[in-house]
């Protein structure tokens, strides 16, 4: 199979954009005869006249009209690939970035992030979507630009990560709850009624594993899939929600918070992106964030 002459794309783009051999020649800095020869090659290669005479002028064929936008984009993409890498001007960046995060992220960190982006990259728009699982497929296919969360064994090897902050779990109950008025021991904590947060619907989690060495098992009354639901229930019942403090700070406002009366593991919240899908403009967003 003969390798196509990709230089013809430049000529084709000029012809389709100008709709005139003379104007296309002037745009490319060619003589009219050289442009005519290039157009002849294009017609022969594509099997279409591209420009046909109508009265005193030329008009584009249906095939030429169909290809105009596609060819223009191809040429722009090729020029971008071949252009020397330079410092991205965030002030000139105009793009929508999609960020996938767990509940609580937008409420806690959204306002500061939006303010920073507005100041440094005013043309950038953020789209926040809910993180329903830890699958990396959305990062691979480019439907999500950035993601926040805890790195797990399901995180693909092609995903790049950067730690954002450490967080620890606390207990949260409604104001006036009995635990807001007494000393909280591990035994008293375990004996109370709890809300378990499990996106996968499991019946135990990190807190249960932390209680196990003490010979304690907490009483789980209900299981929900996210921290916002857990805190909403705790706010209007006598149930205890155990949540990461920093990540849910805005959601737990007006409630009674207390440190866990036993050693519990910390978690690291990280930022994740796909190394092939993350272009220079997206890496600039990371720096701004």
Foldseek 3Di string as FASTA:
>chain_A
DDDDDCVLLLLLQLCLVPVALVRSCVVVVHDSVVSVVSLVVVCVVVVHNQWDDDPPGIDGDPVSVVCNVVSVVVVVVVCVVPDDDDDDQLCPDAEEAEEEEAPLCCLQPVVVLVVLSCVRRVNYHYHYDYDLDDACVCQVVVVHFKYKDFDDPNDDPQKDKDFDDKWDKWKWAAPPAPPLPDDDALQNQQAAEAEAAASVPDPDDQVQVQCVVVVGHHHYDYYHHHQLVRLVVRRPDNYMYIDTCSSNVSSRPNIDIGHNNTDTDMTIMMMIHGPVNQDPSNVVSVVSD
